[in-house]
All heavy atoms as atom14 arrays in JSON, in Angstrom:
{
  "sequence": "RRLEAQFEALSRKVLAAGTEQFLVQAEERMRRSQEHGAAELARRE",
  "atom14_mask": [
    [1, 1, 1, 1, 1, 1, 1, 1, 1, 1, 1, 0, 0, 0],
    [1, 1, 1, 1, 1, 1, 1, 1, 1, 1, 1, 0, 0, 0],
    [1, 1, 1, 1, 1, 1, 1, 1, 0, 0, 0, 0, 0, 0],
    [1, 1, 1, 1, 1, 1, 1, 1, 1, 0, 0, 0, 0, 0],
    [1, 1, 1, 1, 1, 0, 0, 0, 0, 0, 0, 0, 0, 0],
    [1, 1, 1, 1, 1, 1, 1, 1, 1, 0, 0, 0, 0, 0],
    [1, 1, 1, 1, 1, 1, 1, 1, 1, 1, 1, 0, 0, 0],
    [1, 1, 1, 1, 1, 1, 1, 1, 1, 0, 0, 0, 0, 0],
    [1, 1, 1, 1, 1, 0, 0, 0, 0, 0, 0, 0, 0, 0],
    [1, 1, 1, 1, 1, 1, 1, 1, 0, 0, 0, 0, 0, 0],
    [1, 1, 1, 1, 1, 1, 0, 0, 0, 0, 0, 0, 0, 0],
    [1, 1, 1, 1, 1, 1, 1, 1, 1, 1, 1, 0, 0, 0],
    [1, 1, 1, 1, 1, 1, 1, 1, 1, 0, 0, 0, 0, 0],
    [1, 1, 1, 1, 1, 1, 1, 0, 0, 0, 0, 0, 0, 0],
    [1, 1, 1, 1, 1, 1, 1, 1, 0, 0, 0, 0, 0, 0],
    [1, 1, 1, 1, 1, 0, 0, 0, 0, 0, 0, 0, 0, 0],
    [1, 1, 1, 1, 1, 0, 0, 0, 0, 0, 0, 0, 0, 0],
    [1, 1, 1, 1, 0, 0, 0, 0, 0, 0, 0, 0, 0, 0],
    [1, 1, 1, 1, 1, 1, 1, 0, 0, 0, 0, 0, 0, 0],
    [1, 1, 1, 1, 1, 1, 1, 1, 1, 0, 0, 0, 0, 0],
    [1, 1, 1, 1, 1, 1, 1, 1, 1, 0, 0, 0, 0, 0],
    [1, 1, 1, 1, 1, 1, 1, 1, 1, 1, 1, 0, 0, 0],
    [1, 1, 1, 1, 1, 1, 1, 1, 0, 0, 0, 0, 0, 0],
    [1, 1, 1, 1, 1, 1, 1, 0, 0, 0, 0, 0, 0, 0],
    [1, 1, 1, 1, 1, 1, 1, 1, 1, 0, 0, 0, 0, 0],
    [1, 1, 1, 1, 1, 0, 0, 0, 0, 0, 0, 0, 0, 0],
    [1, 1, 1, 1, 1, 1, 1, 1, 1, 0, 0, 0, 0, 0],
    [1, 1, 1, 1, 1, 1, 1, 1, 1, 0, 0, 0, 0, 0],
    [1, 1, 1, 1, 1, 1, 1, 1, 1, 1, 1, 0, 0, 0],
    [1, 1, 1, 1, 1, 1, 1, 1, 0, 0, 0, 0, 0, 0],
    [1, 1, 1, 1, 1, 1, 1, 1, 1, 1, 1, 0, 0, 0],
    [1, 1, 1, 1, 1, 1, 1, 1, 1, 1, 1, 0, 0, 0],
    [1, 1, 1, 1, 1, 1, 0, 0, 0, 0, 0, 0, 0, 0],
    [1, 1, 1, 1, 1, 1, 1, 1, 1, 0, 0, 0, 0, 0],
    [1, 1, 1, 1, 1, 1, 1, 1, 1, 0, 0, 0, 0, 0],
    [1, 1, 1, 1, 1, 1, 1, 1, 1, 1, 0, 0, 0, 0],
    [1, 1, 1, 1, 0, 0, 0, 0, 0, 0, 0, 0, 0, 0],
    [1, 1, 1, 1, 1, 0, 0, 0, 0, 0, 0, 0, 0, 0],
    [1, 1, 1, 1, 1, 0, 0, 0, 0, 0, 0, 0, 0, 0],
    [1, 1, 1, 1, 1, 1, 1, 1, 1, 0, 0, 0, 0, 0],
    [1, 1, 1, 1, 1, 1, 1, 1, 0, 0, 0, 0, 0, 0],
    [1, 1, 1, 1, 1, 0, 0, 0, 0, 0, 0, 0, 0, 0],
    [1, 1, 1, 1, 1, 1, 1, 1, 1, 1, 1, 0, 0, 0],
    [1, 1, 1, 1, 1, 1, 1, 1, 1, 1, 1, 0, 0, 0],
    [1, 1, 1, 1, 1, 1, 1, 1, 1, 0, 0, 0, 0, 0]
  ],
  "atom14_positions": [
    [[76.13, 37.07, 115.06], [76.53, 38.46, 114.88], [77.96, 38.72, 115.23], [78.68, 39.48, 114.65], [75.57, 39.31, 115.65], [74.22, 39.39, 115.07], [73.24, 40.26, 115.98], [71.93, 40.36, 115.52], [70.96, 41.03, 116.06], [71.2, 41.71, 117.2], [69.74, 40.99, 115.46], [0.0, 0.0, 0.0], [0.0, 0.0, 0.0], [0.0, 0.0, 0.0]],
    [[78.38, 37.95, 116.26], [79.75, 38.11, 116.64], [80.64, 37.69, 115.61], [81.71, 38.25, 115.39], [79.94, 37.29, 118.0], [81.4, 37.56, 118.66], [81.48, 36.88, 119.87], [81.32, 35.47, 119.61], [81.48, 34.54, 120.45], [81.7, 34.81, 121.81], [81.28, 33.25, 120.1], [0.0, 0.0, 0.0], [0.0, 0.0, 0.0], [0.0, 0.0, 0.0]],
    [[80.33, 36.51, 114.97], [81.19, 36.08, 113.87], [81.12, 37.09, 112.72], [82.22, 37.27, 112.1], [80.65, 34.66, 113.31], [80.83, 33.5, 114.34], [80.16, 32.27, 113.78], [82.31, 33.21, 114.61], [0.0, 0.0, 0.0], [0.0, 0.0, 0.0], [0.0, 0.0, 0.0], [0.0, 0.0, 0.0], [0.0, 0.0, 0.0], [0.0, 0.0, 0.0]],
    [[79.98, 37.52, 112.51], [80.03, 38.57, 111.39], [80.85, 39.73, 111.75], [81.63, 40.28, 110.82], [78.49, 39.06, 111.22], [77.68, 38.03, 110.56], [76.27, 38.47, 110.32], [75.97, 39.59, 110.79], [75.5, 37.81, 109.64], [0.0, 0.0, 0.0], [0.0, 0.0, 0.0], [0.0, 0.0, 0.0], [0.0, 0.0, 0.0], [0.0, 0.0, 0.0]],
    [[80.74, 40.14, 113.0], [81.56, 41.29, 113.44], [83.08, 41.0, 113.35], [83.84, 41.75, 112.88], [81.18, 41.75, 114.82], [0.0, 0.0, 0.0], [0.0, 0.0, 0.0], [0.0, 0.0, 0.0], [0.0, 0.0, 0.0], [0.0, 0.0, 0.0], [0.0, 0.0, 0.0], [0.0, 0.0, 0.0], [0.0, 0.0, 0.0], [0.0, 0.0, 0.0]],
    [[83.35, 39.68, 113.8], [84.77, 39.37, 113.7], [85.27, 39.24, 112.22], [86.41, 39.72, 111.84], [84.96, 38.0, 114.42], [84.84, 38.0, 115.92], [84.95, 36.73, 116.58], [85.14, 35.67, 115.92], [85.04, 36.71, 117.97], [0.0, 0.0, 0.0], [0.0, 0.0, 0.0], [0.0, 0.0, 0.0], [0.0, 0.0, 0.0], [0.0, 0.0, 0.0]],
    [[84.31, 38.74, 111.44], [84.67, 38.61, 110.01], [84.86, 39.93, 109.39], [85.77, 40.2, 108.55], [83.58, 37.74, 109.3], [83.93, 37.53, 107.83], [84.87, 36.55, 107.39], [83.27, 38.33, 106.84], [85.16, 36.42, 106.09], [83.49, 38.15, 105.56], [84.48, 37.12, 105.12], [0.0, 0.0, 0.0], [0.0, 0.0, 0.0], [0.0, 0.0, 0.0]],
    [[83.93, 40.79, 109.85], [83.98, 42.08, 109.22], [85.32, 42.9, 109.61], [85.9, 43.54, 108.91], [82.74, 42.92, 109.65], [82.7, 44.35, 109.03], [81.41, 45.03, 109.5], [80.65, 44.43, 110.19], [81.28, 46.23, 109.07], [0.0, 0.0, 0.0], [0.0, 0.0, 0.0], [0.0, 0.0, 0.0], [0.0, 0.0, 0.0], [0.0, 0.0, 0.0]],
    [[85.65, 42.65, 111.02], [86.85, 43.25, 111.48], [88.07, 42.71, 110.82], [88.98, 43.45, 110.47], [86.94, 43.09, 113.01], [0.0, 0.0, 0.0], [0.0, 0.0, 0.0], [0.0, 0.0, 0.0], [0.0, 0.0, 0.0], [0.0, 0.0, 0.0], [0.0, 0.0, 0.0], [0.0, 0.0, 0.0], [0.0, 0.0, 0.0], [0.0, 0.0, 0.0]],
    [[88.04, 41.4, 110.64], [89.19, 40.69, 109.89], [89.2, 41.19, 108.49], [90.39, 41.37, 107.96], [88.96, 39.24, 110.0], [90.12, 38.34, 109.45], [91.43, 38.69, 110.07], [89.82, 36.9, 109.54], [0.0, 0.0, 0.0], [0.0, 0.0, 0.0], [0.0, 0.0, 0.0], [0.0, 0.0, 0.0], [0.0, 0.0, 0.0], [0.0, 0.0, 0.0]],
    [[88.11, 41.24, 107.82], [88.1, 41.69, 106.52], [88.65, 43.18, 106.29], [89.38, 43.5, 105.41], [86.59, 41.64, 105.91], [86.15, 40.36, 105.93], [0.0, 0.0, 0.0], [0.0, 0.0, 0.0], [0.0, 0.0, 0.0], [0.0, 0.0, 0.0], [0.0, 0.0, 0.0], [0.0, 0.0, 0.0], [0.0, 0.0, 0.0], [0.0, 0.0, 0.0]],
    [[88.23, 43.98, 107.24], [88.76, 45.43, 107.23], [90.21, 45.36, 107.45], [90.96, 46.13, 106.76], [88.01, 46.21, 108.23], [86.6, 46.42, 107.97], [85.88, 47.23, 109.11], [84.6, 47.56, 108.81], [83.72, 48.08, 109.71], [84.15, 48.47, 110.95], [82.48, 48.29, 109.3], [0.0, 0.0, 0.0], [0.0, 0.0, 0.0], [0.0, 0.0, 0.0]],
    [[90.62, 44.51, 108.35], [92.04, 44.48, 108.66], [92.82, 43.98, 107.46], [93.88, 44.52, 107.08], [92.29, 43.49, 109.9], [93.71, 43.51, 110.3], [93.89, 42.66, 111.58], [95.33, 42.61, 112.1], [95.51, 41.76, 113.3], [0.0, 0.0, 0.0], [0.0, 0.0, 0.0], [0.0, 0.0, 0.0], [0.0, 0.0, 0.0], [0.0, 0.0, 0.0]],
    [[92.36, 42.92, 106.91], [93.05, 42.4, 105.66], [92.96, 43.4, 104.53], [93.91, 43.58, 103.78], [92.31, 41.0, 105.16], [92.87, 40.56, 103.85], [92.6, 39.98, 106.24], [0.0, 0.0, 0.0], [0.0, 0.0, 0.0], [0.0, 0.0, 0.0], [0.0, 0.0, 0.0], [0.0, 0.0, 0.0], [0.0, 0.0, 0.0], [0.0, 0.0, 0.0]],
    [[91.82, 44.04, 104.38], [91.69, 45.04, 103.36], [92.59, 46.19, 103.58], [93.34, 46.7, 102.61], [90.17, 45.58, 103.21], [89.9, 46.57, 102.17], [90.21, 46.12, 100.72], [88.53, 47.05, 102.26], [0.0, 0.0, 0.0], [0.0, 0.0, 0.0], [0.0, 0.0, 0.0], [0.0, 0.0, 0.0], [0.0, 0.0, 0.0], [0.0, 0.0, 0.0]],
    [[92.75, 46.6, 104.82], [93.59, 47.75, 105.13], [95.04, 47.27, 104.94], [95.86, 48.03, 104.3], [93.4, 48.09, 106.58], [0.0, 0.0, 0.0], [0.0, 0.0, 0.0], [0.0, 0.0, 0.0], [0.0, 0.0, 0.0], [0.0, 0.0, 0.0], [0.0, 0.0, 0.0], [0.0, 0.0, 0.0], [0.0, 0.0, 0.0], [0.0, 0.0, 0.0]],
    [[95.49, 46.07, 105.29], [96.79, 45.65, 105.05], [97.03, 45.55, 103.55], [98.14, 45.89, 103.04], [97.0, 44.34, 105.8], [0.0, 0.0, 0.0], [0.0, 0.0, 0.0], [0.0, 0.0, 0.0], [0.0, 0.0, 0.0], [0.0, 0.0, 0.0], [0.0, 0.0, 0.0], [0.0, 0.0, 0.0], [0.0, 0.0, 0.0], [0.0, 0.0, 0.0]],
    [[96.07, 44.97, 102.78], [96.3, 44.85, 101.36], [96.39, 46.18, 100.66], [97.24, 46.44, 99.74], [0.0, 0.0, 0.0], [0.0, 0.0, 0.0], [0.0, 0.0, 0.0], [0.0, 0.0, 0.0], [0.0, 0.0, 0.0], [0.0, 0.0, 0.0], [0.0, 0.0, 0.0], [0.0, 0.0, 0.0], [0.0, 0.0, 0.0], [0.0, 0.0, 0.0]],
    [[95.43, 47.02, 101.17], [95.47, 48.36, 100.55], [96.8, 49.12, 100.88], [97.36, 49.77, 99.9], [94.23, 49.24, 101.14], [93.06, 48.59, 100.8], [94.33, 50.58, 100.53], [0.0, 0.0, 0.0], [0.0, 0.0, 0.0], [0.0, 0.0, 0.0], [0.0, 0.0, 0.0], [0.0, 0.0, 0.0], [0.0, 0.0, 0.0], [0.0, 0.0, 0.0]],
    [[97.25, 48.99, 102.13], [98.58, 49.66, 102.44], [99.71, 49.0, 101.59], [100.53, 49.77, 101.07], [98.79, 49.47, 103.9], [100.14, 50.16, 104.36], [100.2, 50.04, 105.87], [99.38, 49.46, 106.53], [101.23, 50.55, 106.44], [0.0, 0.0, 0.0], [0.0, 0.0, 0.0], [0.0, 0.0, 0.0], [0.0, 0.0, 0.0], [0.0, 0.0, 0.0]],
    [[99.67, 47.69, 101.48], [100.72, 47.13, 100.63], [100.64, 47.44, 99.29], [101.67, 47.72, 98.58], [100.53, 45.55, 100.88], [101.68, 44.8, 100.17], [101.56, 43.3, 100.37], [100.55, 42.75, 100.94], [102.6, 42.51, 99.86], [0.0, 0.0, 0.0], [0.0, 0.0, 0.0], [0.0, 0.0, 0.0], [0.0, 0.0, 0.0], [0.0, 0.0, 0.0]],
    [[99.4, 47.6, 98.71], [99.21, 48.01, 97.34], [99.7, 49.41, 97.11], [100.41, 49.71, 96.12], [97.7, 47.87, 96.95], [97.45, 48.42, 95.56], [97.74, 47.67, 94.46], [96.82, 49.67, 95.43], [97.45, 48.18, 93.23], [96.5, 50.12, 94.29], [96.82, 49.45, 93.08], [0.0, 0.0, 0.0], [0.0, 0.0, 0.0], [0.0, 0.0, 0.0]],
    [[99.33, 50.33, 98.17], [99.86, 51.62, 98.1], [101.29, 51.73, 98.12], [101.93, 52.47, 97.36], [99.22, 52.49, 99.17], [97.75, 52.72, 99.03], [97.13, 53.49, 100.32], [97.33, 53.45, 97.73], [0.0, 0.0, 0.0], [0.0, 0.0, 0.0], [0.0, 0.0, 0.0], [0.0, 0.0, 0.0], [0.0, 0.0, 0.0], [0.0, 0.0, 0.0]],
    [[101.9, 50.86, 98.89], [103.4, 50.91, 99.01], [103.96, 50.46, 97.72], [104.96, 51.05, 97.24], [103.85, 50.02, 100.18], [105.37, 49.86, 100.19], [103.45, 50.69, 101.5], [0.0, 0.0, 0.0], [0.0, 0.0, 0.0], [0.0, 0.0, 0.0], [0.0, 0.0, 0.0], [0.0, 0.0, 0.0], [0.0, 0.0, 0.0], [0.0, 0.0, 0.0]],
    [[103.45, 49.32, 97.18], [103.94, 48.83, 95.93], [103.8, 49.85, 94.71], [104.65, 50.02, 93.88], [103.32, 47.45, 95.59], [103.69, 46.43, 96.53], [103.04, 45.01, 96.22], [102.13, 45.0, 95.4], [103.41, 43.95, 96.93], [0.0, 0.0, 0.0], [0.0, 0.0, 0.0], [0.0, 0.0, 0.0], [0.0, 0.0, 0.0], [0.0, 0.0, 0.0]],
    [[102.52, 50.44, 94.83], [102.15, 51.37, 93.7], [103.15, 52.62, 93.84], [103.6, 53.11, 92.78], [100.76, 51.78, 93.87], [0.0, 0.0, 0.0], [0.0, 0.0, 0.0], [0.0, 0.0, 0.0], [0.0, 0.0, 0.0], [0.0, 0.0, 0.0], [0.0, 0.0, 0.0], [0.0, 0.0, 0.0], [0.0, 0.0, 0.0], [0.0, 0.0, 0.0]],
    [[103.37, 53.09, 95.1], [104.28, 54.18, 95.3], [105.7, 53.85, 94.87], [106.35, 54.66, 94.17], [104.21, 54.56, 96.77], [105.05, 55.85, 96.98], [104.9, 56.28, 98.51], [104.2, 55.61, 99.23], [105.69, 57.22, 98.88], [0.0, 0.0, 0.0], [0.0, 0.0, 0.0], [0.0, 0.0, 0.0], [0.0, 0.0, 0.0], [0.0, 0.0, 0.0]],
    [[106.09, 52.56, 95.22], [107.42, 52.14, 94.8], [107.62, 52.08, 93.31], [108.59, 52.5, 92.64], [107.75, 50.83, 95.39], [109.14, 50.32, 95.08], [110.25, 51.07, 95.69], [110.02, 51.9, 96.64], [111.36, 51.08, 95.17], [0.0, 0.0, 0.0], [0.0, 0.0, 0.0], [0.0, 0.0, 0.0], [0.0, 0.0, 0.0], [0.0, 0.0, 0.0]],
    [[106.55, 51.45, 92.62], [106.55, 51.47, 91.21], [106.42, 52.81, 90.59], [107.2, 53.1, 89.58], [105.42, 50.64, 90.74], [105.28, 50.33, 89.26], [104.27, 49.38, 88.9], [104.68, 48.0, 89.38], [104.13, 46.84, 89.12], [102.86, 46.94, 88.49], [104.42, 45.71, 89.59], [0.0, 0.0, 0.0], [0.0, 0.0, 0.0], [0.0, 0.0, 0.0]],
    [[105.67, 53.62, 91.17], [105.58, 54.96, 90.68], [106.94, 55.7, 90.74], [107.36, 56.45, 89.89], [104.5, 55.8, 91.47], [104.37, 57.18, 90.96], [103.55, 57.34, 89.32], [101.91, 56.78, 89.67], [0.0, 0.0, 0.0], [0.0, 0.0, 0.0], [0.0, 0.0, 0.0], [0.0, 0.0, 0.0], [0.0, 0.0, 0.0], [0.0, 0.0, 0.0]],
    [[107.54, 55.5, 91.94], [108.84, 56.18, 92.05], [109.9, 55.5, 91.15], [110.66, 56.4, 90.5], [109.43, 55.86, 93.57], [110.75, 56.49, 93.88], [111.05, 56.25, 95.28], [111.28, 54.78, 95.46], [112.39, 54.13, 95.12], [113.34, 54.81, 94.53], [112.51, 52.87, 95.24], [0.0, 0.0, 0.0], [0.0, 0.0, 0.0], [0.0, 0.0, 0.0]],
    [[109.83, 54.31, 90.91], [110.81, 53.69, 89.91], [110.49, 54.22, 88.45], [111.4, 54.5, 87.72], [110.67, 52.11, 89.92], [111.24, 51.57, 91.26], [111.09, 50.11, 91.21], [111.66, 49.51, 92.46], [111.62, 48.24, 92.82], [111.02, 47.38, 91.93], [112.16, 47.73, 93.88], [0.0, 0.0, 0.0], [0.0, 0.0, 0.0], [0.0, 0.0, 0.0]],
    [[109.19, 54.29, 88.2], [108.82, 54.72, 87.0], [109.2, 56.15, 86.71], [109.65, 56.53, 85.61], [107.26, 54.67, 86.73], [106.84, 55.13, 85.45], [0.0, 0.0, 0.0], [0.0, 0.0, 0.0], [0.0, 0.0, 0.0], [0.0, 0.0, 0.0], [0.0, 0.0, 0.0], [0.0, 0.0, 0.0], [0.0, 0.0, 0.0], [0.0, 0.0, 0.0]],
    [[109.08, 56.94, 87.75], [109.47, 58.39, 87.66], [110.99, 58.49, 87.52], [111.46, 59.27, 86.66], [109.05, 59.16, 88.91], [107.67, 59.42, 89.03], [107.14, 60.1, 90.17], [107.98, 60.33, 91.15], [105.9, 60.53, 90.24], [0.0, 0.0, 0.0], [0.0, 0.0, 0.0], [0.0, 0.0, 0.0], [0.0, 0.0, 0.0], [0.0, 0.0, 0.0]],
    [[111.78, 57.67, 88.28], [113.19, 57.71, 88.13], [113.61, 57.34, 86.74], [114.62, 57.84, 86.1], [113.84, 56.84, 89.16], [113.76, 57.39, 90.54], [114.34, 56.33, 91.65], [114.74, 55.26, 91.14], [114.48, 56.73, 92.76], [0.0, 0.0, 0.0], [0.0, 0.0, 0.0], [0.0, 0.0, 0.0], [0.0, 0.0, 0.0], [0.0, 0.0, 0.0]],
    [[112.92, 56.26, 86.25], [113.37, 55.73, 84.81], [112.91, 56.77, 83.76], [113.69, 57.11, 82.85], [112.62, 54.43, 84.55], [112.79, 53.97, 83.22], [114.07, 53.36, 82.78], [112.01, 53.82, 82.06], [113.91, 52.99, 81.55], [112.67, 53.28, 81.12], [0.0, 0.0, 0.0], [0.0, 0.0, 0.0], [0.0, 0.0, 0.0], [0.0, 0.0, 0.0]],
    [[111.74, 57.49, 84.11], [111.39, 58.5, 83.07], [112.25, 59.66, 83.07], [112.65, 60.29, 82.05], [0.0, 0.0, 0.0], [0.0, 0.0, 0.0], [0.0, 0.0, 0.0], [0.0, 0.0, 0.0], [0.0, 0.0, 0.0], [0.0, 0.0, 0.0], [0.0, 0.0, 0.0], [0.0, 0.0, 0.0], [0.0, 0.0, 0.0], [0.0, 0.0, 0.0]],
    [[112.7, 59.99, 84.32], [113.7, 61.15, 84.55], [114.91, 60.78, 83.8], [115.57, 61.65, 83.08], [113.88, 61.47, 85.96], [0.0, 0.0, 0.0], [0.0, 0.0, 0.0], [0.0, 0.0, 0.0], [0.0, 0.0, 0.0], [0.0, 0.0, 0.0], [0.0, 0.0, 0.0], [0.0, 0.0, 0.0], [0.0, 0.0, 0.0], [0.0, 0.0, 0.0]],
    [[115.44, 59.58, 84.03], [116.69, 59.17, 83.39], [116.53, 59.15, 81.88], [117.46, 59.59, 81.08], [117.11, 57.82, 83.86], [0.0, 0.0, 0.0], [0.0, 0.0, 0.0], [0.0, 0.0, 0.0], [0.0, 0.0, 0.0], [0.0, 0.0, 0.0], [0.0, 0.0, 0.0], [0.0, 0.0, 0.0], [0.0, 0.0, 0.0], [0.0, 0.0, 0.0]],
    [[115.4, 58.6, 81.35], [115.18, 58.55, 79.96], [115.06, 60.01, 79.4], [115.58, 60.37, 78.32], [113.88, 57.79, 79.69], [113.54, 57.63, 78.24], [114.58, 56.73, 77.49], [115.26, 55.92, 78.17], [114.72, 56.88, 76.2], [0.0, 0.0, 0.0], [0.0, 0.0, 0.0], [0.0, 0.0, 0.0], [0.0, 0.0, 0.0], [0.0, 0.0, 0.0]],
    [[114.38, 60.93, 80.16], [114.26, 62.31, 79.76], [115.57, 63.02, 79.66], [115.82, 63.66, 78.69], [113.26, 63.07, 80.65], [113.03, 64.5, 80.33], [112.44, 64.58, 78.89], [112.17, 65.18, 81.44], [0.0, 0.0, 0.0], [0.0, 0.0, 0.0], [0.0, 0.0, 0.0], [0.0, 0.0, 0.0], [0.0, 0.0, 0.0], [0.0, 0.0, 0.0]],
    [[116.4, 62.69, 80.68], [117.73, 63.27, 80.69], [118.59, 62.78, 79.53], [119.32, 63.54, 78.86], [118.47, 63.0, 82.05], [0.0, 0.0, 0.0], [0.0, 0.0, 0.0], [0.0, 0.0, 0.0], [0.0, 0.0, 0.0], [0.0, 0.0, 0.0], [0.0, 0.0, 0.0], [0.0, 0.0, 0.0], [0.0, 0.0, 0.0], [0.0, 0.0, 0.0]],
    [[118.44, 61.47, 79.24], [119.16, 60.92, 78.1], [118.79, 61.53, 76.8], [119.53, 61.89, 75.95], [118.97, 59.37, 78.09], [119.87, 58.64, 77.02], [119.54, 57.25, 77.07], [118.14, 56.91, 76.78], [117.7, 56.9, 75.56], [118.57, 56.99, 74.5], [116.48, 56.52, 75.29], [0.0, 0.0, 0.0], [0.0, 0.0, 0.0], [0.0, 0.0, 0.0]],
    [[117.36, 61.72, 76.7], [116.83, 62.25, 75.46], [117.25, 63.74, 75.31], [117.61, 64.27, 74.19], [115.4, 62.1, 75.4], [114.95, 60.59, 75.23], [113.43, 60.49, 75.03], [112.96, 59.11, 74.84], [111.83, 58.73, 74.63], [110.79, 59.61, 74.57], [111.56, 57.48, 74.38], [0.0, 0.0, 0.0], [0.0, 0.0, 0.0], [0.0, 0.0, 0.0]],
    [[117.22, 64.37, 76.54], [117.65, 65.82, 76.43], [119.08, 65.92, 76.09], [119.52, 66.79, 75.29], [117.41, 66.44, 77.79], [115.94, 66.76, 78.12], [115.85, 67.35, 79.52], [116.78, 67.44, 80.21], [114.67, 67.77, 79.92], [0.0, 0.0, 0.0], [0.0, 0.0, 0.0], [0.0, 0.0, 0.0], [0.0, 0.0, 0.0], [0.0, 0.0, 0.0]]
  ]
}
């Protein structure tokens, strides 16, 4: 049970770190996509 608990804690930790990294990357990509879209929209305007 202790291993399970450790594994579960480690899994949560890894999942939390992966999720946070994914969210950061997604936010960065979203920001870049928004900037590119804004630039493209300004160019088209």
